[in-house]
Amino acid sequence: MEQTASQTSTIDLVSFILGGGLFAAPLCTDMEIVRPESISPIPGSPKRLLGCMKLRDKIVHVYDARICLGMPEKPVEKQTRVIVMRLDGRLVGCLVDSVTSVIKLRAEDIRPMSPELAAGSDVARGLWSPRENGPITVIIDPSALINTPQAT
C-alpha cells in the first residue's frame, strides 16, 4: 500500500551548533530560546550543570551541552543561547553555541545511527543531511544529553 503525504509523519526540530558540529533536538510545545542571563552556579553540582537562571519567575536548571557531549568548555559569546524546555517534569535549559533554525523533517529522512556510532553514544538518535553532500546534523535526545554520565 502506498503512503500518501497526509500519512507521512513529520518531526519538528530546533537545530543548533556546538563546537562546529550541527545538532538538532525535537521541538517541544513549551520550548523557547533565550540569551544566557545571570546563571547562578550551584556549589557541588556536576560540572555539566552550569547553575540556575530565572525565566519569568520560574527556575531553570542550565546545562552546558558542550560538557555533556565531552567537548571543551567555551566562554559565552554574543550568539550563545539557552534552549529551554520541560524535561521529566522540570524546566531545564541547554547552553549551545548558537541556534540556527527550526526544521521540519519526514520521519523517513532521519537515518539511523550505525551500530559503531550508536554503541558510543546514548545521546544521538539519528542523522540527517539536507542534500547528498551536505553537512550532517546529529539528532539528539535532550533528556539523555543532560543525564549523560560521561561529563559529571
N, C-alpha and C. Protein backbone atom coordinates (compact mmCIF):
# COMPACT_ATOMS: atom_id res chain seq x y z
N MET A 1 0.84 -1.19 0.00
CA MET A 1 0.00 0.00 0.00
C MET A 1 0.88 1.25 0.00
N GLU A 2 0.58 2.16 -0.86
CA GLU A 2 1.37 3.38 -0.98
C GLU A 2 0.96 4.40 0.08
N GLN A 3 1.95 5.07 0.67
CA GLN A 3 1.69 6.06 1.71
C GLN A 3 1.45 7.42 1.07
N THR A 4 0.39 8.10 1.51
CA THR A 4 0.12 9.43 0.98
C THR A 4 0.81 10.48 1.83
N ALA A 5 0.87 11.70 1.33
CA ALA A 5 1.53 12.79 2.07
C ALA A 5 0.89 13.01 3.42
N SER A 6 -0.43 12.84 3.53
CA SER A 6 -1.10 13.08 4.80
C SER A 6 -0.77 11.99 5.82
N GLN A 7 -0.31 10.81 5.36
CA GLN A 7 0.03 9.73 6.27
C GLN A 7 1.49 9.78 6.70
N THR A 8 2.29 10.55 6.00
CA THR A 8 3.71 10.65 6.32
C THR A 8 3.89 11.43 7.61
N SER A 9 4.58 10.81 8.59
CA SER A 9 4.78 11.53 9.85
C SER A 9 5.96 12.49 9.71
N THR A 10 5.83 13.63 10.36
CA THR A 10 6.89 14.62 10.34
C THR A 10 7.31 14.93 11.77
N ILE A 11 8.48 15.49 11.89
CA ILE A 11 9.00 15.88 13.19
C ILE A 11 9.61 17.27 13.05
N ASP A 12 9.33 18.14 14.02
CA ASP A 12 9.92 19.48 14.05
C ASP A 12 11.12 19.45 14.98
N LEU A 13 12.22 20.03 14.53
CA LEU A 13 13.46 20.04 15.30
C LEU A 13 14.02 21.45 15.38
N VAL A 14 14.68 21.76 16.49
CA VAL A 14 15.43 23.01 16.58
C VAL A 14 16.88 22.62 16.33
N SER A 15 17.54 23.31 15.38
CA SER A 15 18.92 22.97 15.07
C SER A 15 19.86 24.00 15.69
N PHE A 16 21.03 23.52 16.07
CA PHE A 16 21.99 24.38 16.75
C PHE A 16 23.41 23.91 16.48
N ILE A 17 24.35 24.78 16.81
CA ILE A 17 25.78 24.49 16.60
C ILE A 17 26.45 24.30 17.95
N LEU A 18 27.30 23.29 18.01
CA LEU A 18 28.15 23.02 19.16
C LEU A 18 29.53 22.64 18.65
N GLY A 19 30.54 23.39 18.99
CA GLY A 19 31.89 23.03 18.60
C GLY A 19 32.08 22.85 17.10
N GLY A 20 31.35 23.59 16.31
CA GLY A 20 31.47 23.48 14.86
C GLY A 20 30.59 22.41 14.24
N GLY A 21 29.98 21.55 15.06
CA GLY A 21 29.10 20.50 14.55
C GLY A 21 27.65 20.94 14.57
N LEU A 22 26.85 20.34 13.70
CA LEU A 22 25.42 20.63 13.63
C LEU A 22 24.65 19.57 14.41
N PHE A 23 23.72 20.03 15.25
CA PHE A 23 22.90 19.15 16.06
C PHE A 23 21.46 19.62 15.97
N ALA A 24 20.53 18.75 16.34
CA ALA A 24 19.12 19.12 16.38
C ALA A 24 18.45 18.30 17.47
N ALA A 25 17.39 18.88 18.05
CA ALA A 25 16.60 18.21 19.08
C ALA A 25 15.13 18.42 18.76
N PRO A 26 14.29 17.46 19.12
CA PRO A 26 12.85 17.61 18.87
C PRO A 26 12.30 18.87 19.53
N LEU A 27 11.46 19.55 18.79
CA LEU A 27 10.83 20.77 19.27
C LEU A 27 9.67 20.41 20.20
N CYS A 28 9.62 21.03 21.37
CA CYS A 28 8.53 20.82 22.33
C CYS A 28 7.57 22.01 22.26
N THR A 29 6.35 21.81 22.70
CA THR A 29 5.38 22.90 22.66
C THR A 29 5.77 24.06 23.57
N ASP A 30 6.41 23.76 24.69
CA ASP A 30 6.78 24.84 25.62
C ASP A 30 8.27 25.18 25.55
N MET A 31 8.91 24.92 24.41
CA MET A 31 10.33 25.22 24.24
C MET A 31 10.50 26.68 23.84
N GLU A 32 11.56 27.29 24.35
CA GLU A 32 11.91 28.63 23.90
C GLU A 32 13.41 28.82 23.93
N ILE A 33 13.86 29.80 23.19
CA ILE A 33 15.29 30.08 23.06
C ILE A 33 15.55 31.46 23.64
N VAL A 34 16.48 31.51 24.60
CA VAL A 34 16.77 32.77 25.29
C VAL A 34 18.28 32.99 25.36
N ARG A 35 18.65 34.23 25.65
CA ARG A 35 20.06 34.55 25.90
C ARG A 35 20.40 34.09 27.32
N PRO A 36 21.62 33.65 27.53
CA PRO A 36 22.01 33.24 28.88
C PRO A 36 22.16 34.47 29.78
N GLU A 37 21.30 34.60 30.74
CA GLU A 37 21.31 35.75 31.64
C GLU A 37 21.52 35.29 33.08
N SER A 38 22.46 35.84 33.75
CA SER A 38 22.67 35.63 35.19
C SER A 38 22.48 34.18 35.62
N ILE A 39 23.35 33.30 35.17
CA ILE A 39 23.31 31.90 35.60
C ILE A 39 24.05 31.81 36.93
N SER A 40 23.35 31.42 37.96
CA SER A 40 23.93 31.30 39.30
C SER A 40 24.47 29.88 39.50
N PRO A 41 25.78 29.76 39.77
CA PRO A 41 26.34 28.42 39.98
C PRO A 41 25.79 27.77 41.24
N ILE A 42 25.75 26.44 41.24
CA ILE A 42 25.29 25.68 42.39
C ILE A 42 26.49 24.90 42.93
N PRO A 43 26.96 25.23 44.14
CA PRO A 43 28.13 24.55 44.69
C PRO A 43 27.92 23.04 44.79
N GLY A 44 28.93 22.30 44.39
CA GLY A 44 28.89 20.84 44.49
C GLY A 44 28.11 20.14 43.38
N SER A 45 27.59 20.90 42.43
CA SER A 45 26.83 20.28 41.34
C SER A 45 27.78 19.67 40.31
N PRO A 46 27.28 18.74 39.50
CA PRO A 46 28.13 18.18 38.44
C PRO A 46 28.61 19.29 37.50
N LYS A 47 29.76 19.07 36.88
CA LYS A 47 30.37 20.07 36.01
C LYS A 47 29.44 20.48 34.87
N ARG A 48 28.65 19.53 34.37
CA ARG A 48 27.76 19.82 33.23
C ARG A 48 26.62 20.76 33.60
N LEU A 49 26.28 20.84 34.89
CA LEU A 49 25.22 21.74 35.36
C LEU A 49 25.84 23.10 35.68
N LEU A 50 25.61 24.07 34.81
CA LEU A 50 26.20 25.39 35.00
C LEU A 50 25.60 26.12 36.19
N GLY A 51 24.32 25.87 36.46
CA GLY A 51 23.63 26.54 37.54
C GLY A 51 22.18 26.77 37.18
N CYS A 52 21.60 27.79 37.81
CA CYS A 52 20.19 28.10 37.59
C CYS A 52 20.03 29.54 37.12
N MET A 53 18.97 29.76 36.37
CA MET A 53 18.61 31.13 35.98
C MET A 53 17.11 31.27 36.11
N LYS A 54 16.65 32.50 36.26
CA LYS A 54 15.21 32.76 36.34
C LYS A 54 14.69 33.12 34.96
N LEU A 55 13.52 32.60 34.68
CA LEU A 55 12.84 32.92 33.43
C LEU A 55 11.38 33.14 33.79
N ARG A 56 10.97 34.41 33.82
CA ARG A 56 9.60 34.77 34.20
C ARG A 56 9.17 34.09 35.52
N ASP A 57 9.97 34.31 36.55
CA ASP A 57 9.72 33.79 37.90
C ASP A 57 9.75 32.27 38.02
N LYS A 58 10.30 31.60 37.05
CA LYS A 58 10.50 30.15 37.13
C LYS A 58 12.00 29.88 37.17
N ILE A 59 12.39 28.85 37.89
CA ILE A 59 13.80 28.46 37.99
C ILE A 59 14.11 27.45 36.89
N VAL A 60 15.18 27.72 36.13
CA VAL A 60 15.61 26.86 35.04
C VAL A 60 17.00 26.34 35.37
N HIS A 61 17.17 25.01 35.40
CA HIS A 61 18.48 24.40 35.56
C HIS A 61 19.16 24.43 34.20
N VAL A 62 20.36 25.04 34.11
CA VAL A 62 21.04 25.22 32.83
C VAL A 62 22.25 24.29 32.74
N TYR A 63 22.24 23.47 31.68
CA TYR A 63 23.31 22.51 31.42
C TYR A 63 24.14 22.98 30.23
N ASP A 64 25.44 22.76 30.29
CA ASP A 64 26.32 23.09 29.18
C ASP A 64 26.34 21.89 28.24
N ALA A 65 25.72 22.02 27.07
CA ALA A 65 25.64 20.91 26.12
C ALA A 65 27.02 20.47 25.67
N ARG A 66 27.97 21.40 25.62
CA ARG A 66 29.34 21.03 25.22
C ARG A 66 29.93 20.04 26.22
N ILE A 67 29.81 20.34 27.50
CA ILE A 67 30.37 19.46 28.53
C ILE A 67 29.63 18.12 28.53
N CYS A 68 28.33 18.16 28.36
CA CYS A 68 27.54 16.91 28.30
C CYS A 68 28.01 15.99 27.18
N LEU A 69 28.52 16.58 26.09
CA LEU A 69 28.99 15.78 24.95
C LEU A 69 30.50 15.55 24.96
N GLY A 70 31.16 15.95 26.06
CA GLY A 70 32.60 15.72 26.16
C GLY A 70 33.44 16.70 25.38
N MET A 71 32.87 17.83 24.99
CA MET A 71 33.61 18.87 24.26
C MET A 71 34.23 19.83 25.27
N PRO A 72 35.25 20.59 24.84
CA PRO A 72 35.84 21.58 25.75
C PRO A 72 34.87 22.73 26.02
N GLU A 73 35.02 23.33 27.18
CA GLU A 73 34.21 24.49 27.54
C GLU A 73 34.53 25.65 26.61
N LYS A 74 33.57 26.57 26.51
CA LYS A 74 33.75 27.76 25.68
C LYS A 74 33.06 28.92 26.38
N PRO A 75 33.67 30.09 26.40
CA PRO A 75 33.02 31.24 27.04
C PRO A 75 31.74 31.62 26.31
N VAL A 76 30.82 32.20 27.04
CA VAL A 76 29.57 32.69 26.45
C VAL A 76 29.90 33.84 25.50
N GLU A 77 29.32 33.78 24.31
CA GLU A 77 29.53 34.81 23.30
C GLU A 77 28.19 35.42 22.91
N LYS A 78 28.25 36.39 22.01
CA LYS A 78 27.05 37.11 21.59
C LYS A 78 25.96 36.18 21.03
N GLN A 79 26.35 35.15 20.30
CA GLN A 79 25.38 34.26 19.67
C GLN A 79 25.00 33.06 20.54
N THR A 80 25.62 32.89 21.71
CA THR A 80 25.30 31.79 22.61
C THR A 80 23.84 31.87 23.06
N ARG A 81 23.17 30.73 23.12
CA ARG A 81 21.76 30.70 23.52
C ARG A 81 21.52 29.55 24.49
N VAL A 82 20.41 29.66 25.21
CA VAL A 82 19.92 28.59 26.07
C VAL A 82 18.59 28.13 25.47
N ILE A 83 18.52 26.84 25.17
CA ILE A 83 17.27 26.25 24.69
C ILE A 83 16.55 25.72 25.93
N VAL A 84 15.44 26.34 26.26
CA VAL A 84 14.69 26.00 27.47
C VAL A 84 13.54 25.07 27.09
N MET A 85 13.38 24.00 27.87
CA MET A 85 12.31 23.03 27.61
C MET A 85 11.92 22.33 28.91
N ARG A 86 10.79 21.67 28.89
CA ARG A 86 10.36 20.89 30.04
C ARG A 86 10.74 19.44 29.78
N LEU A 87 11.58 18.89 30.67
CA LEU A 87 12.01 17.50 30.58
C LEU A 87 11.79 16.82 31.92
N ASP A 88 11.21 15.66 31.86
CA ASP A 88 10.99 14.88 33.08
C ASP A 88 10.31 15.71 34.17
N GLY A 89 9.37 16.59 33.76
CA GLY A 89 8.60 17.37 34.71
C GLY A 89 9.29 18.60 35.27
N ARG A 90 10.47 18.94 34.79
CA ARG A 90 11.14 20.13 35.29
C ARG A 90 11.63 20.98 34.13
N LEU A 91 11.83 22.25 34.40
CA LEU A 91 12.27 23.20 33.39
C LEU A 91 13.79 23.17 33.34
N VAL A 92 14.36 22.85 32.17
CA VAL A 92 15.80 22.80 32.00
C VAL A 92 16.21 23.61 30.77
N GLY A 93 17.45 24.02 30.74
CA GLY A 93 17.99 24.74 29.60
C GLY A 93 19.30 24.11 29.18
N CYS A 94 19.56 24.10 27.89
CA CYS A 94 20.82 23.61 27.35
C CYS A 94 21.54 24.77 26.69
N LEU A 95 22.73 25.08 27.19
CA LEU A 95 23.55 26.14 26.62
C LEU A 95 24.20 25.62 25.34
N VAL A 96 23.98 26.33 24.23
CA VAL A 96 24.55 25.94 22.94
C VAL A 96 25.30 27.13 22.34
N ASP A 97 26.21 26.86 21.39
CA ASP A 97 27.00 27.94 20.78
C ASP A 97 26.10 28.91 20.02
N SER A 98 25.14 28.39 19.26
CA SER A 98 24.17 29.23 18.56
C SER A 98 23.04 28.34 18.08
N VAL A 99 21.89 28.96 17.85
CA VAL A 99 20.73 28.27 17.29
C VAL A 99 20.63 28.69 15.84
N THR A 100 20.42 27.72 14.95
CA THR A 100 20.40 28.04 13.53
C THR A 100 19.00 28.15 12.95
N SER A 101 18.12 27.20 13.25
CA SER A 101 16.79 27.24 12.65
C SER A 101 15.88 26.18 13.26
N VAL A 102 14.64 26.22 12.83
CA VAL A 102 13.68 25.16 13.12
C VAL A 102 13.47 24.43 11.80
N ILE A 103 13.58 23.12 11.83
CA ILE A 103 13.43 22.34 10.61
C ILE A 103 12.31 21.31 10.77
N LYS A 104 11.62 21.04 9.70
CA LYS A 104 10.56 20.03 9.69
C LYS A 104 11.03 18.91 8.78
N LEU A 105 11.10 17.70 9.32
CA LEU A 105 11.57 16.55 8.56
C LEU A 105 10.51 15.47 8.50
N ARG A 106 10.55 14.72 7.43
CA ARG A 106 9.77 13.49 7.39
C ARG A 106 10.53 12.46 8.20
N ALA A 107 9.84 11.64 8.94
CA ALA A 107 10.50 10.65 9.80
C ALA A 107 11.45 9.77 8.99
N GLU A 108 11.08 9.45 7.75
CA GLU A 108 11.93 8.56 6.94
C GLU A 108 13.21 9.26 6.46
N ASP A 109 13.30 10.58 6.60
CA ASP A 109 14.53 11.30 6.21
C ASP A 109 15.63 11.20 7.27
N ILE A 110 15.26 10.76 8.46
CA ILE A 110 16.24 10.60 9.54
C ILE A 110 16.88 9.23 9.42
N ARG A 111 18.19 9.23 9.26
CA ARG A 111 18.93 7.97 9.11
C ARG A 111 19.27 7.41 10.48
N PRO A 112 19.17 6.10 10.63
CA PRO A 112 19.54 5.50 11.91
C PRO A 112 21.05 5.59 12.13
N MET A 113 21.44 5.53 13.37
CA MET A 113 22.86 5.52 13.71
C MET A 113 23.42 4.14 13.34
N SER A 114 24.63 4.11 12.83
CA SER A 114 25.28 2.82 12.57
C SER A 114 25.57 2.17 13.91
N PRO A 115 25.71 0.84 13.95
CA PRO A 115 25.99 0.17 15.23
C PRO A 115 27.25 0.71 15.91
N GLU A 116 28.27 1.08 15.12
CA GLU A 116 29.52 1.60 15.70
C GLU A 116 29.29 2.93 16.40
N LEU A 117 28.52 3.81 15.75
CA LEU A 117 28.24 5.12 16.34
C LEU A 117 27.26 5.01 17.50
N ALA A 118 26.25 4.17 17.36
CA ALA A 118 25.23 4.02 18.40
C ALA A 118 25.84 3.45 19.68
N ALA A 119 26.82 2.58 19.54
CA ALA A 119 27.44 1.97 20.72
C ALA A 119 28.18 2.99 21.57
N GLY A 120 28.65 4.07 20.96
CA GLY A 120 29.42 5.07 21.69
C GLY A 120 28.62 6.25 22.17
N SER A 121 27.30 6.25 21.93
CA SER A 121 26.51 7.42 22.31
C SER A 121 25.11 7.03 22.76
N ASP A 122 24.77 7.45 23.96
CA ASP A 122 23.39 7.29 24.44
C ASP A 122 22.55 8.49 24.07
N VAL A 123 23.19 9.52 23.51
CA VAL A 123 22.55 10.80 23.24
C VAL A 123 22.02 10.89 21.81
N ALA A 124 22.82 10.45 20.84
CA ALA A 124 22.45 10.56 19.42
C ALA A 124 21.35 9.58 19.07
N ARG A 125 20.35 10.08 18.33
CA ARG A 125 19.21 9.25 17.94
C ARG A 125 19.11 9.03 16.43
N GLY A 126 19.84 9.84 15.66
CA GLY A 126 19.79 9.69 14.21
C GLY A 126 20.61 10.76 13.53
N LEU A 127 20.66 10.66 12.21
CA LEU A 127 21.43 11.60 11.40
C LEU A 127 20.56 12.11 10.27
N TRP A 128 20.82 13.35 9.85
CA TRP A 128 20.08 13.93 8.74
C TRP A 128 21.00 14.86 7.96
N SER A 129 20.83 14.87 6.65
CA SER A 129 21.56 15.80 5.79
C SER A 129 20.58 16.35 4.76
N PRO A 130 20.58 17.67 4.55
CA PRO A 130 19.61 18.26 3.63
C PRO A 130 19.87 17.92 2.16
N ARG A 131 21.08 17.54 1.85
CA ARG A 131 21.39 17.17 0.47
C ARG A 131 22.50 16.12 0.49
N GLU A 132 22.71 15.52 -0.66
CA GLU A 132 23.63 14.38 -0.75
C GLU A 132 25.00 14.64 -0.16
N ASN A 133 25.62 15.75 -0.50
CA ASN A 133 26.96 16.06 0.01
C ASN A 133 26.95 17.18 1.04
N GLY A 134 25.80 17.42 1.64
CA GLY A 134 25.68 18.49 2.61
C GLY A 134 26.17 18.09 3.98
N PRO A 135 26.20 19.05 4.89
CA PRO A 135 26.63 18.76 6.25
C PRO A 135 25.64 17.82 6.96
N ILE A 136 26.15 17.02 7.86
CA ILE A 136 25.32 16.07 8.60
C ILE A 136 24.91 16.70 9.92
N THR A 137 23.64 16.58 10.24
CA THR A 137 23.10 17.03 11.51
C THR A 137 22.86 15.81 12.39
N VAL A 138 23.36 15.85 13.61
CA VAL A 138 23.16 14.77 14.57
C VAL A 138 21.92 15.10 15.39
N ILE A 139 20.94 14.22 15.35
CA ILE A 139 19.71 14.42 16.11
C ILE A 139 19.89 13.77 17.48
N ILE A 140 19.66 14.58 18.51
CA ILE A 140 19.92 14.11 19.88
C ILE A 140 18.65 14.02 20.70
N ASP A 141 18.74 13.28 21.78
CA ASP A 141 17.69 13.18 22.79
C ASP A 141 18.10 14.11 23.94
N PRO A 142 17.38 15.24 24.13
CA PRO A 142 17.81 16.20 25.16
C PRO A 142 17.80 15.61 26.57
N SER A 143 16.89 14.72 26.87
CA SER A 143 16.85 14.10 28.19
C SER A 143 18.11 13.27 28.43
N ALA A 144 18.51 12.50 27.42
CA ALA A 144 19.74 11.71 27.53
C ALA A 144 20.95 12.64 27.62
N LEU A 145 20.91 13.77 26.91
CA LEU A 145 22.02 14.72 26.92
C LEU A 145 22.31 15.23 28.33
N ILE A 146 21.29 15.69 29.03
CA ILE A 146 21.55 16.27 30.35
C ILE A 146 21.79 15.20 31.42
N ASN A 147 21.43 13.97 31.12
CA ASN A 147 21.65 12.88 32.09
C ASN A 147 22.85 12.01 31.76
N THR A 148 23.63 12.41 30.76
CA THR A 148 24.80 11.61 30.37
C THR A 148 25.80 11.55 31.50
N PRO A 149 26.29 10.35 31.83
CA PRO A 149 27.24 10.24 32.94
C PRO A 149 28.66 10.60 32.56
N GLN A 150 28.98 10.75 31.26
CA GLN A 150 30.38 10.96 30.85
C GLN A 150 30.94 12.30 31.28
N ALA A 151 30.10 13.27 31.58
CA ALA A 151 30.63 14.59 31.95
C ALA A 151 30.01 15.06 33.25
N THR A 152 30.26 14.33 34.30
CA THR A 152 29.69 14.72 35.58
C THR A 152 30.55 15.78 36.19
